[in-house]
Amino acid sequence: MWNDAFAIRLILAFVLSAIIGTLAWRVRALSKSGALAAWLIGGIAFGVGGWRGASILLTFFVSSSLLSRAFARRKEGLSTFVLKGSQRDAGQVFANGGFGSMVLLLSLWFPDSFLPFLAYCGAFAAANADTWATELGVLSTPPPRLITNGNVVPKGTSGGVTPLGLLASLFGAALIGGVAALFVTERNLTFLAVSLSGLLGSLFDSYLGARFQAVYFCPNCQKETERYPDHSCGERTRHVRGLAWLDNDGVNFACTVVGATIATGMGVMVPWLFR
């Protein structure tokens, strides 16, 4: 694979990725740091993964970006709880796409195996499922309930789930699974593995967010928040529970690791079921 043709493809991939990242920055879908991170991840996806790698990445990015901007008025109140908005920075880009890009690089050493691509898809399916659940779950009329104990929590709370959010998570994962299945011969296995791994990765994200993600408290607003060190009102927040070093980006990264791992496990252990 390491030849002149591949080198040219890699160069063209990073040029194309730079163009897309710049456009995303211009329309405020990405911050400057987010655009740089997307350039790196996109270059790997396009250069190493070819059209199938690019298709998975673009499906995730376009669908999640559109959902982040949709129903903006109904999401305005969440800005007091969540740390980041719809304009993704480098931390968010690497949290959602960093691990998937790393496992895709394994295809350079194992060109005859479809497992690196399956893991890549599982990672992005988990990221997409979590994004869809977050963006559409907040529109639910019934209030979210904490995944660990079923208690009602405010909208936007990490670990809070709703029936609408769970359904959105399934569809978000299945979208990546459907696109992935277009590029492989093991279509049934790929669609099932990617969709299931995405859904389970998203559920793990909710569990990790509920049990271990850092939560802070604003004494001025008398509200819990992910924002640190300052709340949206400008008041200094204080840590009340969870691991202080584990923020939403860390939880999202773990979500993609779980998605990739489950997809790979299914690819290794049960391919004979789908022949």
Protein backbone atom coordinates (compact mmCIF):
# COMPACT_ATOMS: atom_id res chain seq x y z
CA MET A 1 0.00 0.00 0.00
CA TRP A 2 2.96 2.30 0.60
CA ASN A 3 3.66 3.39 -2.97
CA ASP A 4 3.57 6.51 -5.13
CA ALA A 5 -0.13 6.13 -5.87
CA PHE A 6 -0.95 5.96 -2.17
CA ALA A 7 1.25 8.99 -1.43
CA ILE A 8 -0.59 11.01 -4.08
CA ARG A 9 -3.96 9.88 -2.73
CA LEU A 10 -2.93 10.86 0.78
CA ILE A 11 -1.85 14.33 -0.35
CA LEU A 12 -5.11 14.85 -2.24
CA ALA A 13 -7.03 13.59 0.79
CA PHE A 14 -5.50 16.17 3.09
CA VAL A 15 -6.12 18.92 0.51
CA LEU A 16 -9.77 17.91 0.24
CA SER A 17 -10.02 17.67 4.02
CA ALA A 18 -8.59 21.18 4.35
CA ILE A 19 -11.22 22.52 1.95
CA ILE A 20 -14.07 20.84 3.83
CA GLY A 21 -12.70 21.95 7.21
CA THR A 22 -12.41 25.53 5.99
CA LEU A 23 -15.98 25.50 4.70
CA ALA A 24 -17.21 24.07 8.00
CA TRP A 25 -15.37 26.83 9.84
CA ARG A 26 -16.85 29.48 7.56
CA VAL A 27 -20.40 28.31 8.27
CA ARG A 28 -19.54 28.16 12.00
CA ALA A 29 -20.02 24.40 12.28
CA LEU A 30 -16.42 24.20 13.55
CA SER A 31 -14.18 26.55 15.51
CA LYS A 32 -10.65 27.21 14.22
CA SER A 33 -9.24 24.48 16.45
CA GLY A 34 -12.07 22.18 15.40
CA ALA A 35 -11.29 22.80 11.74
CA LEU A 36 -7.64 21.88 12.27
CA ALA A 37 -8.62 18.70 14.10
CA ALA A 38 -11.12 17.86 11.36
CA TRP A 39 -8.39 18.38 8.76
CA LEU A 40 -6.27 15.69 10.42
CA ILE A 41 -9.10 13.23 10.97
CA GLY A 42 -10.54 13.88 7.52
CA GLY A 43 -7.16 13.39 5.87
CA ILE A 44 -6.84 9.98 7.50
CA ALA A 45 -10.42 9.02 6.66
CA PHE A 46 -10.15 10.08 3.01
CA GLY A 47 -6.54 8.99 2.45
CA VAL A 48 -6.52 5.65 4.27
CA GLY A 49 -10.19 4.75 4.16
CA GLY A 50 -10.89 5.92 0.61
CA TRP A 51 -14.45 6.63 -0.40
CA ARG A 52 -15.90 4.29 2.20
CA GLY A 53 -13.98 5.96 5.02
CA ALA A 54 -14.92 9.40 3.72
CA SER A 55 -18.59 8.42 3.42
CA ILE A 56 -18.78 7.34 7.06
CA LEU A 57 -17.11 10.51 8.30
CA LEU A 58 -19.22 12.82 6.13
CA THR A 59 -22.44 11.04 7.12
CA PHE A 60 -21.61 11.60 10.77
CA PHE A 61 -20.46 15.18 10.34
CA VAL A 62 -23.30 16.37 8.11
CA SER A 63 -26.10 14.68 10.05
CA SER A 64 -24.79 15.72 13.47
CA SER A 65 -24.12 19.29 12.35
CA LEU A 66 -27.61 19.66 10.93
CA LEU A 67 -29.19 18.27 14.08
CA SER A 68 -27.08 20.55 16.27
CA ARG A 69 -28.55 23.55 14.45
CA ALA A 70 -32.11 22.25 14.29
CA PHE A 71 -34.77 23.36 16.77
CA ALA A 72 -32.33 25.94 18.14
CA ARG A 73 -35.00 27.88 20.02
CA ARG A 74 -36.15 24.83 21.93
CA LYS A 75 -32.57 24.17 23.02
CA GLU A 76 -31.64 27.68 24.16
CA GLY A 77 -32.16 26.96 27.86
CA LEU A 78 -29.62 24.11 27.78
CA SER A 79 -26.72 26.55 27.40
CA THR A 80 -26.73 27.10 31.15
CA PHE A 81 -25.99 23.40 31.72
CA VAL A 82 -23.82 22.18 28.85
CA LEU A 83 -20.30 23.47 28.36
CA LYS A 84 -20.21 23.69 24.58
CA GLY A 85 -22.58 24.72 21.83
CA SER A 86 -23.15 23.63 18.24
CA GLN A 87 -19.78 24.97 17.01
CA ARG A 88 -17.43 22.06 17.61
CA ASP A 89 -13.89 22.64 18.87
CA ALA A 90 -10.83 20.38 18.65
CA GLY A 91 -11.72 18.56 21.86
CA GLN A 92 -15.13 17.58 20.53
CA VAL A 93 -13.76 16.61 17.12
CA PHE A 94 -11.09 14.33 18.59
CA ALA A 95 -13.54 12.94 21.15
CA ASN A 96 -15.91 11.84 18.41
CA GLY A 97 -13.49 10.96 15.62
CA GLY A 98 -10.06 10.45 17.12
CA PHE A 99 -10.31 6.80 18.09
CA GLY A 100 -12.06 5.82 14.88
CA SER A 101 -9.25 7.38 12.87
CA MET A 102 -6.62 5.56 14.94
CA VAL A 103 -8.17 2.13 14.35
CA LEU A 104 -8.60 2.88 10.65
CA LEU A 105 -4.82 3.28 10.41
CA LEU A 106 -4.52 -0.43 11.25
CA SER A 107 -5.76 -1.20 7.74
CA LEU A 108 -2.34 -0.08 6.50
CA TRP A 109 -0.82 -3.10 8.24
CA PHE A 110 -3.78 -5.45 7.69
CA PRO A 111 -5.01 -4.55 4.19
CA ASP A 112 -6.85 -7.85 3.69
CA SER A 113 -8.92 -7.57 6.88
CA PHE A 114 -12.18 -5.67 7.07
CA LEU A 115 -11.99 -5.50 10.90
CA PRO A 116 -10.24 -2.08 11.03
CA PHE A 117 -12.98 -0.62 8.87
CA LEU A 118 -15.63 -2.34 11.00
CA ALA A 119 -14.09 -0.87 14.15
CA TYR A 120 -13.93 2.55 12.50
CA CYS A 121 -17.62 2.32 11.65
CA GLY A 122 -18.49 1.13 15.15
CA ALA A 123 -16.74 4.14 16.65
CA PHE A 124 -18.58 6.60 14.41
CA ALA A 125 -21.88 4.78 14.88
CA ALA A 126 -21.52 5.26 18.64
CA ALA A 127 -20.67 8.94 18.16
CA ASN A 128 -23.60 9.42 15.80
CA ALA A 129 -26.00 7.55 18.07
CA ASP A 130 -24.97 9.68 21.05
CA THR A 131 -25.25 12.90 19.05
CA TRP A 132 -28.71 12.03 17.71
CA ALA A 133 -29.87 11.02 21.19
CA THR A 134 -28.60 14.28 22.64
CA GLU A 135 -29.93 16.58 19.93
CA LEU A 136 -33.35 14.96 19.56
CA GLY A 137 -33.83 13.64 23.09
CA VAL A 138 -34.08 17.18 24.49
CA LEU A 139 -37.22 17.66 22.36
CA SER A 140 -39.03 14.94 24.29
CA THR A 141 -42.18 16.01 26.13
CA PRO A 142 -41.72 13.50 28.97
CA PRO A 143 -38.73 14.56 31.11
CA PRO A 144 -35.53 12.53 30.96
CA ARG A 145 -34.77 9.94 33.59
CA LEU A 146 -31.32 9.04 34.84
CA ILE A 147 -30.21 5.78 33.26
CA THR A 148 -28.80 4.50 36.57
CA ASN A 149 -31.81 4.89 38.87
CA GLY A 150 -34.75 6.21 36.85
CA ASN A 151 -34.98 9.53 38.70
CA VAL A 152 -36.35 12.48 36.73
CA VAL A 153 -33.61 14.98 35.86
CA PRO A 154 -33.53 18.33 33.99
CA LYS A 155 -33.16 18.28 30.21
CA GLY A 156 -29.53 18.21 29.14
CA THR A 157 -28.34 16.29 32.20
CA SER A 158 -25.62 13.78 31.36
CA GLY A 159 -27.01 10.29 31.75
CA GLY A 160 -30.61 11.36 31.29
CA VAL A 161 -32.54 9.29 28.74
CA THR A 162 -35.95 9.50 27.09
CA PRO A 163 -37.85 7.14 24.77
CA LEU A 164 -37.40 9.67 21.96
CA GLY A 165 -33.67 9.89 22.67
CA LEU A 166 -33.28 6.11 22.65
CA LEU A 167 -35.13 5.85 19.35
CA ALA A 168 -33.00 8.62 17.90
CA SER A 169 -29.88 6.81 19.11
CA LEU A 170 -30.95 3.65 17.29
CA PHE A 171 -31.62 5.50 14.05
CA GLY A 172 -28.34 7.41 14.31
CA ALA A 173 -26.40 4.16 14.69
CA ALA A 174 -28.39 2.46 11.93
CA LEU A 175 -27.63 5.31 9.53
CA ILE A 176 -23.90 4.66 9.88
CA GLY A 177 -24.51 0.92 9.70
CA GLY A 178 -26.47 1.31 6.48
CA VAL A 179 -23.78 3.43 4.84
CA ALA A 180 -21.06 1.03 5.98
CA ALA A 181 -22.91 -1.95 4.53
CA LEU A 182 -22.78 -0.39 1.06
CA PHE A 183 -19.02 -0.83 0.87
CA VAL A 184 -18.46 -4.42 2.06
CA THR A 185 -19.45 -7.93 1.03
CA GLU A 186 -20.39 -8.90 4.61
CA ARG A 187 -23.41 -6.59 4.51
CA ASN A 188 -25.66 -8.31 7.04
CA LEU A 189 -22.89 -8.61 9.61
CA THR A 190 -21.71 -5.08 9.02
CA PHE A 191 -25.13 -3.46 9.33
CA LEU A 192 -26.03 -5.42 12.46
CA ALA A 193 -22.62 -5.07 14.11
CA VAL A 194 -22.29 -1.36 13.44
CA SER A 195 -25.87 -0.52 14.41
CA LEU A 196 -25.77 -2.56 17.61
CA SER A 197 -22.33 -1.35 18.62
CA GLY A 198 -23.41 2.24 18.05
CA LEU A 199 -26.50 1.86 20.21
CA LEU A 200 -24.59 0.10 23.02
CA GLY A 201 -21.81 2.67 22.86
CA SER A 202 -24.38 5.42 23.27
CA LEU A 203 -25.95 3.66 26.26
CA PHE A 204 -22.50 3.30 27.81
CA ASP A 205 -22.01 7.02 27.25
CA SER A 206 -25.19 7.71 29.20
CA TYR A 207 -24.15 5.38 32.04
CA LEU A 208 -20.67 6.87 32.25
CA GLY A 209 -22.12 10.37 32.18
CA ALA A 210 -24.54 9.57 34.97
CA ARG A 211 -22.07 7.81 37.25
CA PHE A 212 -18.66 9.35 36.67
CA GLN A 213 -18.75 12.57 34.62
CA ALA A 214 -17.87 15.71 36.55
CA VAL A 215 -20.83 17.85 37.61
CA TYR A 216 -20.52 21.35 39.07
CA PHE A 217 -22.83 23.73 40.89
CA CYS A 218 -23.43 27.42 40.35
CA PRO A 219 -24.20 29.13 43.69
CA ASN A 220 -25.59 32.17 41.89
CA CYS A 221 -28.09 30.34 39.68
CA GLN A 222 -28.58 27.47 42.14
CA LYS A 223 -28.19 25.00 39.28
CA GLU A 224 -26.01 22.04 38.45
CA THR A 225 -23.92 22.38 35.31
CA GLU A 226 -21.08 20.89 33.26
CA ARG A 227 -19.51 24.34 32.98
CA TYR A 228 -16.17 24.88 34.68
CA PRO A 229 -14.57 27.02 35.96
CA ASP A 230 -17.26 29.65 35.26
CA HIS A 231 -20.99 29.29 34.70
CA SER A 232 -22.79 31.10 31.86
CA CYS A 233 -23.67 33.84 34.34
CA GLY A 234 -20.00 34.40 35.12
CA GLU A 235 -20.11 32.91 38.61
CA ARG A 236 -17.39 30.44 39.62
CA THR A 237 -18.72 26.88 39.80
CA ARG A 238 -17.72 24.23 42.33
CA HIS A 239 -17.33 20.51 41.87
CA VAL A 240 -20.12 18.48 43.50
CA ARG A 241 -19.77 14.94 42.16
CA GLY A 242 -18.16 12.72 39.56
CA LEU A 243 -14.52 12.56 38.55
CA ALA A 244 -13.14 16.07 38.22
CA TRP A 245 -10.94 15.07 35.26
CA LEU A 246 -13.75 13.39 33.29
CA ASP A 247 -15.65 15.89 31.17
CA ASN A 248 -18.10 15.35 28.33
CA ASP A 249 -15.32 15.01 25.74
CA GLY A 250 -13.78 12.19 27.78
CA VAL A 251 -17.13 10.44 28.03
CA ASN A 252 -17.68 10.78 24.28
CA PHE A 253 -14.24 9.36 23.54
CA ALA A 254 -14.98 6.35 25.76
CA CYS A 255 -18.26 5.93 23.92
CA THR A 256 -16.43 5.56 20.59
CA VAL A 257 -13.94 3.10 22.10
CA VAL A 258 -16.81 0.90 23.27
CA GLY A 259 -18.53 1.13 19.88
CA ALA A 260 -15.36 0.13 18.03
CA THR A 261 -14.64 -2.71 20.46
CA ILE A 262 -18.12 -4.23 20.23
CA ALA A 263 -18.16 -4.01 16.44
CA THR A 264 -14.76 -5.69 16.23
CA GLY A 265 -15.82 -8.38 18.69
CA MET A 266 -18.88 -9.20 16.61
CA GLY A 267 -16.75 -9.28 13.48
CA VAL A 268 -14.37 -11.77 15.07
CA MET A 269 -16.79 -14.00 16.99
CA VAL A 270 -19.97 -14.35 14.98
CA PRO A 271 -19.37 -13.90 11.23
CA TRP A 272 -20.58 -17.42 10.52
CA LEU A 273 -24.10 -16.43 11.57
CA PHE A 274 -24.40 -14.09 8.62
CA ARG A 275 -22.91 -16.12 5.79
